[in-house]
PDB file of N, CA and C in Angstrom:
ATOM      1  N   MET A   1       0.960  -1.225   0.009  1.00  0.00           N
ATOM      2  CA  MET A   1      -0.020   0.007  -0.067  1.00  0.00           C
ATOM      3  C   MET A   1       0.794   1.282   0.009  1.00  0.00           C
ATOM      4  N   SER A   2       0.540   2.360  -0.716  1.00  0.00           N
ATOM      5  CA  SER A   2       1.167   3.499  -0.816  1.00  0.00           C
ATOM      6  C   SER A   2       0.189   4.544  -0.227  1.00  0.00           C
ATOM      7  N   PRO A   3       0.647   5.301   0.769  1.00  0.00           N
ATOM      8  CA  PRO A   3      -0.078   6.362   1.295  1.00  0.00           C
ATOM      9  C   PRO A   3       0.028   7.540   0.457  1.00  0.00           C
ATOM     10  N   ILE A   4      -0.926   8.337   0.323  1.00  0.00           N
ATOM     11  CA  ILE A   4      -0.866   9.551  -0.420  1.00  0.00           C
ATOM     12  C   ILE A   4      -1.238  10.856   0.534  1.00  0.00           C
ATOM     13  N   VAL A   5      -0.421  11.697   0.554  1.00  0.00           N
ATOM     14  CA  VAL A   5      -0.763  12.937   1.362  1.00  0.00           C
ATOM     15  C   VAL A   5      -0.844  13.942   0.257  1.00  0.00           C
ATOM     16  N   SER A   6      -2.019  14.795   0.053  1.00  0.00           N
ATOM     17  CA  SER A   6      -1.822  15.825  -0.866  1.00  0.00           C
ATOM     18  C   SER A   6      -2.788  16.877  -0.504  1.00  0.00           C
ATOM     19  N   VAL A   7      -2.341  18.172  -1.127  1.00  0.00           N
ATOM     20  CA  VAL A   7      -3.190  19.280  -0.800  1.00  0.00           C
ATOM     21  C   VAL A   7      -3.970  19.298  -2.040  1.00  0.00           C
ATOM     22  N   LEU A   8      -5.205  19.443  -1.678  1.00  0.00           N
ATOM     23  CA  LEU A   8      -6.407  19.426  -2.676  1.00  0.00           C
ATOM     24  C   LEU A   8      -6.916  20.812  -3.131  1.00  0.00           C
ATOM     25  N   THR A   9      -7.641  21.014  -3.901  1.00  0.00           N
ATOM     26  CA  THR A   9      -8.354  22.170  -4.605  1.00  0.00           C
ATOM     27  C   THR A   9      -9.427  22.775  -3.468  1.00  0.00           C
ATOM     28  N   PRO A  10      -9.992  23.931  -3.729  1.00  0.00           N
ATOM     29  CA  PRO A  10     -10.928  24.443  -2.839  1.00  0.00           C
ATOM     30  C   PRO A  10     -12.260  23.558  -2.840  1.00  0.00           C
ATOM     31  N   PRO A  11     -12.839  23.414  -1.737  1.00  0.00           N
ATOM     32  CA  PRO A  11     -14.067  22.791  -1.731  1.00  0.00           C
ATOM     33  C   PRO A  11     -15.111  23.316  -2.262  1.00  0.00           C
ATOM     34  N   ALA A  12     -16.241  22.565  -2.512  1.00  0.00           N
ATOM     35  CA  ALA A  12     -17.497  23.056  -3.244  1.00  0.00           C
ATOM     36  C   ALA A  12     -18.466  23.655  -2.112  1.00  0.00           C
ATOM     37  N   ARG A  13     -18.169  23.413  -0.807  1.00  0.00           N
ATOM     38  CA  ARG A  13     -19.154  23.947   0.160  1.00  0.00           C
ATOM     39  C   ARG A  13     -18.470  25.010   1.259  1.00  0.00           C
ATOM     40  N   PRO A  14     -19.022  25.769   1.889  1.00  0.00           N
ATOM     41  CA  PRO A  14     -18.346  26.880   2.716  1.00  0.00           C
ATOM     42  C   PRO A  14     -17.218  26.101   3.585  1.00  0.00           C
ATOM     43  N   LEU A  15     -16.017  26.775   3.987  1.00  0.00           N
ATOM     44  CA  LEU A  15     -15.133  26.382   4.985  1.00  0.00           C
ATOM     45  C   LEU A  15     -15.616  26.387   6.370  1.00  0.00           C
ATOM     46  N   ARG A  16     -15.297  25.589   7.063  1.00  0.00           N
ATOM     47  CA  ARG A  16     -15.363  25.583   8.632  1.00  0.00           C
ATOM     48  C   ARG A  16     -13.963  25.178   9.327  1.00  0.00           C
ATOM     49  N   ARG A  17     -13.695  25.732  10.230  1.00  0.00           N
ATOM     50  CA  ARG A  17     -12.446  25.342  10.878  1.00  0.00           C
ATOM     51  C   ARG A  17     -12.423  23.904  11.612  1.00  0.00           C
ATOM     52  N   ALA A  18     -11.346  23.226  11.295  1.00  0.00           N
ATOM     53  CA  ALA A  18     -11.458  21.856  12.029  1.00  0.00           C
ATOM     54  C   ALA A  18     -10.880  21.975  13.349  1.00  0.00           C
ATOM     55  N   PRO A  19     -11.455  21.303  14.479  1.00  0.00           N
ATOM     56  CA  PRO A  19     -11.050  21.167  15.814  1.00  0.00           C
ATOM     57  C   PRO A  19      -9.468  20.821  15.849  1.00  0.00           C
ATOM     58  N   ALA A  20      -8.860  21.416  16.671  1.00  0.00           N
ATOM     59  CA  ALA A  20      -7.296  21.108  16.950  1.00  0.00           C
ATOM     60  C   ALA A  20      -7.282  19.665  17.263  1.00  0.00           C
ATOM     61  N   ARG A  21      -8.195  19.153  18.118  1.00  0.00           N
ATOM     62  CA  ARG A  21      -7.992  17.704  18.518  1.00  0.00           C
ATOM     63  C   ARG A  21      -8.236  16.771  17.347  1.00  0.00           C
ATOM     64  N   PHE A  22      -9.098  17.180  16.222  1.00  0.00           N
ATOM     65  CA  PHE A  22      -9.352  16.363  15.093  1.00  0.00           C
ATOM     66  C   PHE A  22      -7.901  16.246  14.246  1.00  0.00           C
ATOM     67  N   LEU A  23      -7.142  17.621  14.053  1.00  0.00           N
ATOM     68  CA  LEU A  23      -6.184  17.660  13.335  1.00  0.00           C
ATOM     69  C   LEU A  23      -5.058  16.898  14.110  1.00  0.00           C
ATOM     70  N   ALA A  24      -4.908  16.872  15.351  1.00  0.00           N
ATOM     71  CA  ALA A  24      -3.934  16.079  16.008  1.00  0.00           C
ATOM     72  C   ALA A  24      -4.089  14.648  15.834  1.00  0.00           C
ATOM     73  N   ALA A  25      -5.226  14.150  16.039  1.00  0.00           N
ATOM     74  CA  ALA A  25      -5.464  12.868  15.760  1.00  0.00           C
ATOM     75  C   ALA A  25      -5.262  12.353  14.470  1.00  0.00           C
ATOM     76  N   CYS A  26      -5.573  13.243  13.427  1.00  0.00           N
ATOM     77  CA  CYS A  26      -5.133  12.859  11.987  1.00  0.00           C
ATOM     78  C   CYS A  26      -3.669  12.824  11.928  1.00  0.00           C
ATOM     79  N   ALA A  27      -2.838  13.649  12.403  1.00  0.00           N
ATOM     80  CA  ALA A  27      -1.283  13.557  12.356  1.00  0.00           C
ATOM     81  C   ALA A  27      -0.775  12.415  13.048  1.00  0.00           C
ATOM     82  N   LEU A  28      -1.347  12.097  14.309  1.00  0.00           N
ATOM     83  CA  LEU A  28      -0.815  11.027  15.022  1.00  0.00           C
ATOM     84  C   LEU A  28      -1.239   9.643  14.230  1.00  0.00           C
ATOM     85  N   SER A  29      -2.389   9.425  13.790  1.00  0.00           N
ATOM     86  CA  SER A  29      -2.783   8.312  13.050  1.00  0.00           C
ATOM     87  C   SER A  29      -2.002   8.144  11.636  1.00  0.00           C
ATOM     88  N   SER A  30      -1.708   9.129  11.067  1.00  0.00           N
ATOM     89  CA  SER A  30      -0.890   9.305   9.925  1.00  0.00           C
ATOM     90  C   SER A  30       0.509   8.730  10.000  1.00  0.00           C
ATOM     91  N   THR A  31       0.859   9.187  11.191  1.00  0.00           N
ATOM     92  CA  THR A  31       2.349   8.952  11.553  1.00  0.00           C
ATOM     93  C   THR A  31       2.478   7.283  11.791  1.00  0.00           C
ATOM     94  N   LEU A  32       1.536   6.835  12.586  1.00  0.00           N
ATOM     95  CA  LEU A  32       1.506   5.386  12.868  1.00  0.00           C
ATOM     96  C   LEU A  32       1.296   4.635  11.570  1.00  0.00           C
ATOM     97  N   LEU A  33       0.341   5.189  10.616  1.00  0.00           N
ATOM     98  CA  LEU A  33       0.065   4.280   9.512  1.00  0.00           C
ATOM     99  C   LEU A  33       1.249   4.338   8.458  1.00  0.00           C
ATOM    100  N   LEU A  34       1.897   5.387   8.549  1.00  0.00           N
ATOM    101  CA  LEU A  34       3.004   5.642   7.548  1.00  0.00           C
ATOM    102  C   LEU A  34       4.298   4.722   7.912  1.00  0.00           C
ATOM    103  N   GLY A  35       4.294   4.556   9.200  1.00  0.00           N
ATOM    104  CA  GLY A  35       5.485   3.865   9.629  1.00  0.00           C
ATOM    105  C   GLY A  35       5.655   2.302   9.060  1.00  0.00           C
ATOM    106  N   GLY A  36       4.692   1.939   8.738  1.00  0.00           N
ATOM    107  CA  GLY A  36       4.694   0.422   8.198  1.00  0.00           C
ATOM    108  C   GLY A  36       4.708   0.287   6.587  1.00  0.00           C
ATOM    109  N   CYS A  37       4.723   1.530   5.960  1.00  0.00           N
ATOM    110  CA  CYS A  37       4.445   1.593   4.387  1.00  0.00           C
ATOM    111  C   CYS A  37       5.702   1.490   3.872  1.00  0.00           C
ATOM    112  N   ALA A  38       5.922   0.873   2.583  1.00  0.00           N
ATOM    113  CA  ALA A  38       7.048   0.971   1.720  1.00  0.00           C
ATOM    114  C   ALA A  38       7.238   2.181   1.089  1.00  0.00           C
ATOM    115  N   SER A  39       6.284   3.030   0.683  1.00  0.00           N
ATOM    116  CA  SER A  39       6.577   4.273  -0.084  1.00  0.00           C
ATOM    117  C   SER A  39       5.577   5.414   0.690  1.00  0.00           C
ATOM    118  N   VAL A  40       6.189   6.387   0.850  1.00  0.00           N
ATOM    119  CA  VAL A  40       5.544   7.595   1.414  1.00  0.00           C
ATOM    120  C   VAL A  40       5.662   8.822   0.561  1.00  0.00           C
ATOM    121  N   GLY A  41       4.664   9.672   0.322  1.00  0.00           N
ATOM    122  CA  GLY A  41       4.846  10.771  -0.556  1.00  0.00           C
ATOM    123  C   GLY A  41       3.899  11.958  -0.290  1.00  0.00           C
ATOM    124  N   VAL A  42       4.270  12.923  -0.740  1.00  0.00           N
ATOM    125  CA  VAL A  42       3.241  14.249  -0.938  1.00  0.00           C
ATOM    126  C   VAL A  42       3.253  14.773  -2.249  1.00  0.00           C
ATOM    127  N   GLY A  43       2.135  15.489  -2.495  1.00  0.00           N
ATOM    128  CA  GLY A  43       1.854  16.009  -3.817  1.00  0.00           C
ATOM    129  C   GLY A  43       0.845  17.042  -3.722  1.00  0.00           C
ATOM    130  N   PHE A  44       0.546  17.500  -4.884  1.00  0.00           N
ATOM    131  CA  PHE A  44      -0.665  18.491  -5.035  1.00  0.00           C
ATOM    132  C   PHE A  44      -1.259  18.292  -6.494  1.00  0.00           C
ATOM    133  N   GLY A  45      -2.441  18.664  -6.630  1.00  0.00           N
ATOM    134  CA  GLY A  45      -3.176  18.443  -7.814  1.00  0.00           C
ATOM    135  C   GLY A  45      -3.800  19.698  -8.276  1.00  0.00           C
ATOM    136  N   ILE A  46      -4.113  19.986  -9.437  1.00  0.00           N
ATOM    137  CA  ILE A  46      -4.983  20.992 -10.126  1.00  0.00           C
ATOM    138  C   ILE A  46      -6.052  20.493 -10.742  1.00  0.00           C
ATOM    139  N   PRO A  47      -7.314  20.893 -10.439  1.00  0.00           N
ATOM    140  CA  PRO A  47      -8.500  20.242 -11.191  1.00  0.00           C
ATOM    141  C   PRO A  47      -8.634  20.795 -12.532  1.00  0.00           C
ATOM    142  N   VAL A  48      -8.976  20.106 -13.404  1.00  0.00           N
ATOM    143  CA  VAL A  48      -9.221  20.298 -14.772  1.00  0.00           C
ATOM    144  C   VAL A  48     -10.451  19.527 -15.222  1.00  0.00           C
ATOM    145  N   GLY A  49     -11.557  20.239 -15.160  1.00  0.00           N
ATOM    146  CA  GLY A  49     -12.884  19.377 -15.389  1.00  0.00           C
ATOM    147  C   GLY A  49     -13.016  18.284 -14.279  1.00  0.00           C
ATOM    148  N   PRO A  50     -13.372  17.203 -14.720  1.00  0.00           N
ATOM    149  CA  PRO A  50     -13.588  16.108 -13.772  1.00  0.00           C
ATOM    150  C   PRO A  50     -12.285  15.363 -13.248  1.00  0.00           C
ATOM    151  N   PHE A  51     -11.236  15.920 -13.707  1.00  0.00           N
ATOM    152  CA  PHE A  51      -9.767  15.195 -13.671  1.00  0.00           C
ATOM    153  C   PHE A  51      -8.987  16.221 -12.644  1.00  0.00           C
ATOM    154  N   SER A  52      -7.903  15.666 -12.138  1.00  0.00           N
ATOM    155  CA  SER A  52      -6.872  16.594 -11.387  1.00  0.00           C
ATOM    156  C   SER A  52      -5.547  16.093 -11.924  1.00  0.00           C
ATOM    157  N   ILE A  53      -4.978  17.087 -12.254  1.00  0.00           N
ATOM    158  CA  ILE A  53      -3.469  16.828 -12.820  1.00  0.00           C
ATOM    159  C   ILE A  53      -2.579  17.119 -11.666  1.00  0.00           C
ATOM    160  N   GLY A  54      -1.718  16.279 -11.359  1.00  0.00           N
ATOM    161  CA  GLY A  54      -0.677  16.311 -10.289  1.00  0.00           C
ATOM    162  C   GLY A  54       0.606  16.039 -10.257  1.00  0.00           C
ATOM    163  N   VAL A  55       1.402  16.610  -9.314  1.00  0.00           N
ATOM    164  CA  VAL A  55       2.762  16.134  -9.362  1.00  0.00           C
ATOM    165  C   VAL A  55       3.040  15.800  -7.890  1.00  0.00           C
ATOM    166  N   GLY A  56       3.893  14.829  -7.647  1.00  0.00           N
ATOM    167  CA  GLY A  56       4.179  14.320  -6.346  1.00  0.00           C
ATOM    168  C   GLY A  56       5.717  13.927  -6.142  1.00  0.00           C
ATOM    169  N   ALA A  57       6.096  13.744  -5.074  1.00  0.00           N
ATOM    170  CA  ALA A  57       7.566  13.215  -4.685  1.00  0.00           C
ATOM    171  C   ALA A  57       7.347  12.214  -3.406  1.00  0.00           C
ATOM    172  N   SER A  58       8.076  11.220  -3.622  1.00  0.00           N
ATOM    173  CA  SER A  58       8.043  10.119  -2.639  1.00  0.00           C
ATOM    174  C   SER A  58       9.498   9.823  -2.381  1.00  0.00           C
ATOM    175  N   ASN A  59       9.495   8.737  -1.203  1.00  0.00           N
ATOM    176  CA  ASN A  59      10.968   8.271  -1.028  1.00  0.00           C
ATOM    177  C   ASN A  59      11.306   7.514  -2.231  1.00  0.00           C
ATOM    178  N   SER A  60      10.637   7.166  -3.152  1.00  0.00           N
ATOM    179  CA  SER A  60      11.113   6.665  -4.393  1.00  0.00           C
ATOM    180  C   SER A  60      11.316   7.468  -5.711  1.00  0.00           C
ATOM    181  N   GLY A  61      11.045   8.691  -5.559  1.00  0.00           N
ATOM    182  CA  GLY A  61      11.393   9.693  -6.532  1.00  0.00           C
ATOM    183  C   GLY A  61      10.164  10.666  -6.878  1.00  0.00           C
ATOM    184  N   VAL A  62      10.131  11.252  -7.974  1.00  0.00           N
ATOM    185  CA  VAL A  62       9.177  12.197  -8.467  1.00  0.00           C
ATOM    186  C   VAL A  62       8.317  11.744  -9.520  1.00  0.00           C
ATOM    187  N   SER A  63       7.043  12.069  -9.523  1.00  0.00           N
ATOM    188  CA  SER A  63       5.965  11.384 -10.352  1.00  0.00           C
ATOM    189  C   SER A  63       5.086  12.604 -10.688  1.00  0.00           C
ATOM    190  N   ALA A  64       4.284  12.404 -11.993  1.00  0.00           N
ATOM    191  CA  ALA A  64       3.248  13.189 -12.609  1.00  0.00           C
ATOM    192  C   ALA A  64       2.100  12.324 -13.014  1.00  0.00           C
ATOM    193  N   GLY A  65       0.894  12.739 -12.781  1.00  0.00           N
ATOM    194  CA  GLY A  65      -0.086  11.884 -13.172  1.00  0.00           C
ATOM    195  C   GLY A  65      -1.598  12.789 -13.539  1.00  0.00           C
ATOM    196  N   VAL A  66      -2.560  12.025 -13.629  1.00  0.00           N
ATOM    197  CA  VAL A  66      -3.786  12.548 -13.799  1.00  0.00           C
ATOM    198  C   VAL A  66      -4.794  11.483 -13.021  1.00  0.00           C
ATOM    199  N   SER A  67      -5.653  12.110 -12.184  1.00  0.00           N
ATOM    200  CA  SER A  67      -6.616  11.317 -11.578  1.00  0.00           C
ATOM    201  C   SER A  67      -7.887  11.864 -11.530  1.00  0.00           C
ATOM    202  N   THR A  68      -8.931  11.013 -11.042  1.00  0.00           N
ATOM    203  CA  THR A  68     -10.260  11.368 -10.895  1.00  0.00           C
ATOM    204  C   THR A  68     -10.871  10.552  -9.781  1.00  0.00           C
ATOM    205  N   GLY A  69     -12.068  11.059  -9.239  1.00  0.00           N
ATOM    206  CA  GLY A  69     -12.559  10.245  -8.135  1.00  0.00           C
ATOM    207  C   GLY A  69     -14.004  10.627  -7.795  1.00  0.00           C
ATOM    208  N   VAL A  70     -14.700   9.883  -7.020  1.00  0.00           N
ATOM    209  CA  VAL A  70     -16.105  10.110  -6.734  1.00  0.00           C
ATOM    210  C   VAL A  70     -16.092   9.888  -5.130  1.00  0.00           C
ATOM    211  N   GLY A  71     -16.676  10.924  -4.244  1.00  0.00           N
ATOM    212  CA  GLY A  71     -16.625  10.731  -2.912  1.00  0.00           C
ATOM    213  C   GLY A  71     -15.067  10.464  -2.488  1.00  0.00           C
ATOM    214  N   PRO A  72     -14.938   9.497  -1.520  1.00  0.00           N
ATOM    215  CA  PRO A  72     -13.702   9.223  -1.113  1.00  0.00           C
ATOM    216  C   PRO A  72     -12.786   8.193  -1.865  1.00  0.00           C
ATOM    217  N   VAL A  73     -13.262   7.784  -2.911  1.00  0.00           N
ATOM    218  CA  VAL A  73     -12.684   6.882  -3.822  1.00  0.00           C
ATOM    219  C   VAL A  73     -12.052   7.518  -5.016  1.00  0.00           C
ATOM    220  N   GLY A  74     -10.715   7.190  -5.384  1.00  0.00           N
ATOM    221  CA  GLY A  74     -10.115   7.706  -6.536  1.00  0.00           C
ATOM    222  C   GLY A  74      -9.152   6.785  -7.343  1.00  0.00           C
ATOM    223  N   VAL A  75      -9.020   7.100  -8.526  1.00  0.00           N
ATOM    224  CA  VAL A  75      -8.186   6.189  -9.482  1.00  0.00           C
ATOM    225  C   VAL A  75      -7.355   7.298 -10.318  1.00  0.00           C
ATOM    226  N   GLY A  76      -6.294   6.620 -10.761  1.00  0.00           N
ATOM    227  CA  GLY A  76      -5.356   7.522 -11.567  1.00  0.00           C
ATOM    228  C   GLY A  76      -4.306   6.817 -12.289  1.00  0.00           C
ATOM    229  N   VAL A  77      -3.646   7.410 -12.935  1.00  0.00           N
ATOM    230  CA  VAL A  77      -2.311   6.936 -13.824  1.00  0.00           C
ATOM    231  C   VAL A  77      -1.243   7.800 -13.675  1.00  0.00           C
ATOM    232  N   GLY A  78      -0.092   7.453 -13.654  1.00  0.00           N
ATOM    233  CA  GLY A  78       1.001   8.346 -13.478  1.00  0.00           C
ATOM    234  C   GLY A  78       2.352   7.728 -14.097  1.00  0.00           C
ATOM    235  N   VAL A  79       3.322   8.776 -14.221  1.00  0.00           N
ATOM    236  CA  VAL A  79       4.587   8.263 -14.712  1.00  0.00           C
ATOM    237  C   VAL A  79       5.632   8.920 -13.818  1.00  0.00           C
ATOM    238  N   ASN A  80       6.838   7.912 -13.525  1.00  0.00           N
ATOM    239  CA  ASN A  80       7.809   8.560 -12.777  1.00  0.00           C
ATOM    240  C   ASN A  80       9.074   8.857 -13.496  1.00  0.00           C
ATOM    241  N   GLN A  81      10.153   9.331 -12.747  1.00  0.00           N
ATOM    242  CA  GLN A  81      11.310   9.863 -13.570  1.00  0.00           C
ATOM    243  C   GLN A  81      12.074   8.848 -14.324  1.00  0.00           C
ATOM    244  N   ARG A  82      11.711   7.595 -14.040  1.00  0.00           N
ATOM    245  CA  ARG A  82      12.308   6.427 -14.883  1.00  0.00           C
ATOM    246  C   ARG A  82      11.525   5.992 -15.986  1.00  0.00           C
ATOM    247  N   GLY A  83      10.426   6.690 -16.280  1.00  0.00           N
ATOM    248  CA  GLY A  83       9.485   6.376 -17.325  1.00  0.00           C
ATOM    249  C   GLY A  83       8.516   5.224 -17.003  1.00  0.00           C
ATOM    250  N   GLN A  84       8.472   4.674 -15.831  1.00  0.00           N
ATOM    251  CA  GLN A  84       7.418   3.613 -15.554  1.00  0.00           C
ATOM    252  C   GLN A  84       6.207   4.288 -15.469  1.00  0.00           C
ATOM    253  N   VAL A  85       5.182   3.840 -16.002  1.00  0.00           N
ATOM    254  CA  VAL A  85       3.807   3.965 -15.933  1.00  0.00           C
ATOM    255  C   VAL A  85       3.006   3.118 -14.890  1.00  0.00           C
ATOM    256  N   SER A  86       2.293   3.901 -13.836  1.00  0.00           N
ATOM    257  CA  SER A  86       1.714   3.023 -12.989  1.00  0.00           C
ATOM    258  C   SER A  86       0.184   3.360 -12.947  1.00  0.00           C
ATOM    259  N   ALA A  87      -0.606   2.508 -12.701  1.00  0.00           N
ATOM    260  CA  ALA A  87      -2.135   2.727 -12.377  1.00  0.00           C
ATOM    261  C   ALA A  87      -2.383   2.510 -10.895  1.00  0.00           C
ATOM    262  N   GLY A  88      -3.295   3.246 -10.411  1.00  0.00           N
ATOM    263  CA  GLY A  88      -3.703   2.990  -8.966  1.00  0.00           C
ATOM    264  C   GLY A  88      -5.028   3.415  -8.572  1.00  0.00           C
ATOM    265  N   ALA A  89      -5.324   3.103  -7.431  1.00  0.00           N
ATOM    266  CA  ALA A  89      -6.706   3.328  -6.759  1.00  0.00           C
ATOM    267  C   ALA A  89      -6.623   3.426  -5.325  1.00  0.00           C
ATOM    268  N   GLY A  90      -7.364   4.237  -4.704  1.00  0.00           N
ATOM    269  CA  GLY A  90      -7.239   4.517  -3.238  1.00  0.00           C
ATOM    270  C   GLY A  90      -8.448   5.292  -2.646  1.00  0.00           C
ATOM    271  N   VAL A  91      -8.504   5.438  -1.280  1.00  0.00           N
ATOM    272  CA  VAL A  91      -9.518   5.986  -0.513  1.00  0.00           C
ATOM    273  C   VAL A  91      -8.946   6.996   0.252  1.00  0.00           C
ATOM    274  N   GLY A  92      -9.505   7.949   0.691  1.00  0.00           N
ATOM    275  CA  GLY A  92      -9.024   9.116   1.549  1.00  0.00           C
ATOM    276  C   GLY A  92      -9.993  10.141   1.987  1.00  0.00           C
ATOM    277  N   THR A  93      -9.408  11.044   2.902  1.00  0.00           N
ATOM    278  CA  THR A  93     -10.269  11.932   3.530  1.00  0.00           C
ATOM    279  C   THR A  93      -9.504  13.263   3.516  1.00  0.00           C
ATOM    280  N   SER A  94     -10.265  14.411   3.640  1.00  0.00           N
ATOM    281  CA  SER A  94      -9.429  15.791   3.768  1.00  0.00           C
ATOM    282  C   SER A  94     -10.178  16.745   4.604  1.00  0.00           C
ATOM    283  N   THR A  95      -9.487  17.922   4.934  1.00  0.00           N
ATOM    284  CA  THR A  95     -10.124  18.827   5.788  1.00  0.00           C
ATOM    285  C   THR A  95      -9.620  20.151   5.267  1.00  0.00           C
ATOM    286  N   PRO A  96     -10.455  21.241   5.584  1.00  0.00           N
ATOM    287  CA  PRO A  96      -9.881  22.519   5.131  1.00  0.00           C
ATOM    288  C   PRO A  96      -8.775  23.018   5.745  1.00  0.00           C
ATOM    289  N   VAL A  97      -7.809  23.961   5.141  1.00  0.00           N
ATOM    290  CA  VAL A  97      -6.840  24.471   5.745  1.00  0.00           C
ATOM    291  C   VAL A  97      -7.214  25.966   6.021  1.00  0.00           C
ATOM    292  N   GLY A  98      -7.463  26.267   7.366  1.00  0.00           N
ATOM    293  CA  GLY A  98      -8.025  27.687   7.779  1.00  0.00           C
ATOM    294  C   GLY A  98      -9.059  28.209   6.729  1.00  0.00           C
ATOM    295  N   ASN A  99      -8.985  29.577   6.290  1.00  0.00           N
ATOM    296  CA  ASN A  99      -9.643  30.096   5.342  1.00  0.00           C
ATOM    297  C   ASN A  99      -9.158  30.172   4.004  1.00  0.00           C
ATOM    298  N   SER A 100      -8.131  29.410   3.651  1.00  0.00           N
ATOM    299  CA  SER A 100      -7.327  29.608   2.525  1.00  0.00           C
ATOM    300  C   SER A 100      -8.095  28.993   1.178  1.00  0.00           C
ATOM    301  N   GLY A 101      -9.109  28.204   1.360  1.00  0.00           N
ATOM    302  CA  GLY A 101      -9.686  27.556   0.325  1.00  0.00           C
ATOM    303  C   GLY A 101      -9.046  26.268  -0.271  1.00  0.00           C
ATOM    304  N   ALA A 102      -7.864  25.893   0.534  1.00  0.00           N
ATOM    305  CA  ALA A 102      -7.196  24.658   0.200  1.00  0.00           C
ATOM    306  C   ALA A 102      -7.715  23.722   1.344  1.00  0.00           C
ATOM    307  N   ARG A 103      -7.234  22.376   0.991  1.00  0.00           N
ATOM    308  CA  ARG A 103      -7.708  21.358   1.759  1.00  0.00           C
ATOM    309  C   ARG A 103      -6.249  20.551   1.738  1.00  0.00           C
ATOM    310  N   VAL A 104      -6.105  19.912   3.040  1.00  0.00           N
ATOM    311  CA  VAL A 104      -5.227  18.842   3.218  1.00  0.00           C
ATOM    312  C   VAL A 104      -5.740  17.454   3.557  1.00  0.00           C
ATOM    313  N   GLY A 105      -5.083  16.581   3.025  1.00  0.00           N
ATOM    314  CA  GLY A 105      -5.744  15.124   3.277  1.00  0.00           C
ATOM    315  C   GLY A 105      -4.754  14.067   3.382  1.00  0.00           C
ATOM    316  N   VAL A 106      -5.374  12.817   3.787  1.00  0.00           N
ATOM    317  CA  VAL A 106      -4.604  11.650   3.812  1.00  0.00           C
ATOM    318  C   VAL A 106      -5.257  10.496   3.243  1.00  0.00           C
ATOM    319  N   GLY A 107      -4.540   9.631   2.572  1.00  0.00           N
ATOM    320  CA  GLY A 107      -5.300   8.466   2.009  1.00  0.00           C
ATOM    321  C   GLY A 107      -4.259   7.286   1.897  1.00  0.00           C
ATOM    322  N   VAL A 108      -5.111   6.107   1.591  1.00  0.00           N
ATOM    323  CA  VAL A 108      -4.403   5.088   1.324  1.00  0.00           C
ATOM    324  C   VAL A 108      -4.709   4.490   0.064  1.00  0.00           C
ATOM    325  N   GLY A 109      -3.766   3.766  -0.733  1.00  0.00           N
ATOM    326  CA  GLY A 109      -4.027   3.180  -2.067  1.00  0.00           C
ATOM    327  C   GLY A 109      -3.154   2.195  -2.466  1.00  0.00           C
ATOM    328  N   THR A 110      -3.301   1.571  -3.536  1.00  0.00           N
ATOM    329  CA  THR A 110      -2.555   0.577  -4.114  1.00  0.00           C
ATOM    330  C   THR A 110      -2.215   0.895  -5.502  1.00  0.00           C
ATOM    331  N   SER A 111      -0.985   0.491  -6.088  1.00  0.00           N
ATOM    332  CA  SER A 111      -0.891   0.798  -7.547  1.00  0.00           C
ATOM    333  C   SER A 111       0.160  -0.267  -8.068  1.00  0.00           C
ATOM    334  N   THR A 112       0.151  -0.285  -9.315  1.00  0.00           N
ATOM    335  CA  THR A 112       0.828  -1.571 -10.134  1.00  0.00           C
ATOM    336  C   THR A 112       1.515  -0.817 -11.249  1.00  0.00           C
ATOM    337  N   VAL A 113       2.554  -1.344 -11.681  1.00  0.00           N
ATOM    338  CA  VAL A 113       3.414  -0.738 -12.894  1.00  0.00           C
ATOM    339  C   VAL A 113       2.629  -1.396 -13.996  1.00  0.00           C
ATOM    340  N   ILE A 114       2.107  -0.652 -14.875  1.00  0.00           N
ATOM    341  CA  ILE A 114       1.707  -1.282 -16.332  1.00  0.00           C
ATOM    342  C   ILE A 114       2.407  -1.133 -17.342  1.00  0.00           C
ATOM    343  N   HIS A 115       3.663  -0.310 -17.229  1.00  0.00           N
ATOM    344  CA  HIS A 115       4.667  -0.455 -18.225  1.00  0.00           C
ATOM    345  C   HIS A 115       6.013   0.142 -17.769  1.00  0.00           C
ATOM    346  N   ASP A 116       6.987  -0.771 -17.995  1.00  0.00           N
ATOM    347  CA  ASP A 116       8.322  -0.431 -17.353  1.00  0.00           C
ATOM    348  C   ASP A 116       9.285  -0.476 -18.766  1.00  0.00           C
ATOM    349  N   PRO A 117       9.785   0.647 -19.109  1.00  0.00           N
ATOM    350  CA  PRO A 117      10.688   0.750 -20.344  1.00  0.00           C
ATOM    351  C   PRO A 117      12.079  -0.210 -20.250  1.00  0.00           C
ATOM    352  N   ASP A 118      12.325  -0.419 -19.060  1.00  0.00           N
ATOM    353  CA  ASP A 118      13.477  -1.378 -18.669  1.00  0.00           C
ATOM    354  C   ASP A 118      13.328  -2.690 -18.973  1.00  0.00           C
ATOM    355  N   THR A 119      11.919  -3.137 -18.833  1.00  0.00           N
ATOM    356  CA  THR A 119      11.699  -4.658 -19.254  1.00  0.00           C
ATOM    357  C   THR A 119      11.284  -4.805 -20.639  1.00  0.00           C
ATOM    358  N   ARG A 120      12.016  -5.539 -21.457  1.00  0.00           N
ATOM    359  CA  ARG A 120      12.008  -5.841 -22.790  1.00  0.00           C
ATOM    360  C   ARG A 120      11.524  -7.365 -22.932  1.00  0.00           C
TER     361      ARG A 120
END
C-alpha cells in the first residue's frame, strides 16, 4: 500500500475550521500508518474538469499523473522519472486549511506498474 498525502483544491461548500483535536488525531494516526509503508509521498493536484493533474514526490522519486474520483474513492495513472507508468486506486479524506480555500488530506491506496521501459 502506498499512502498519499496531498493538498487538494478548494471545496464546493463553505469552509469551517477543523477542531485542533481532530487535526492532532489525524497527524498521529498518519504517523502510525506511514511507519509500516514501503512508499510515502506528498503531492498536489490542480482540477481540470472532472480530472486532477498532479505532481508528487516520495521516497522513491518524483512522479506526475492524472486522477479522478467520486467521494472518497479515486483512481489515476502516473509516470515517474524512470519512465515507469503506474495505475492506482485509493480512498482518503481531507479537511480545510484555515480560510485559504485549500484542503489537506490523507489516503491509502495501491498501485501497479503497467509499463516499464527497462523490461523488454
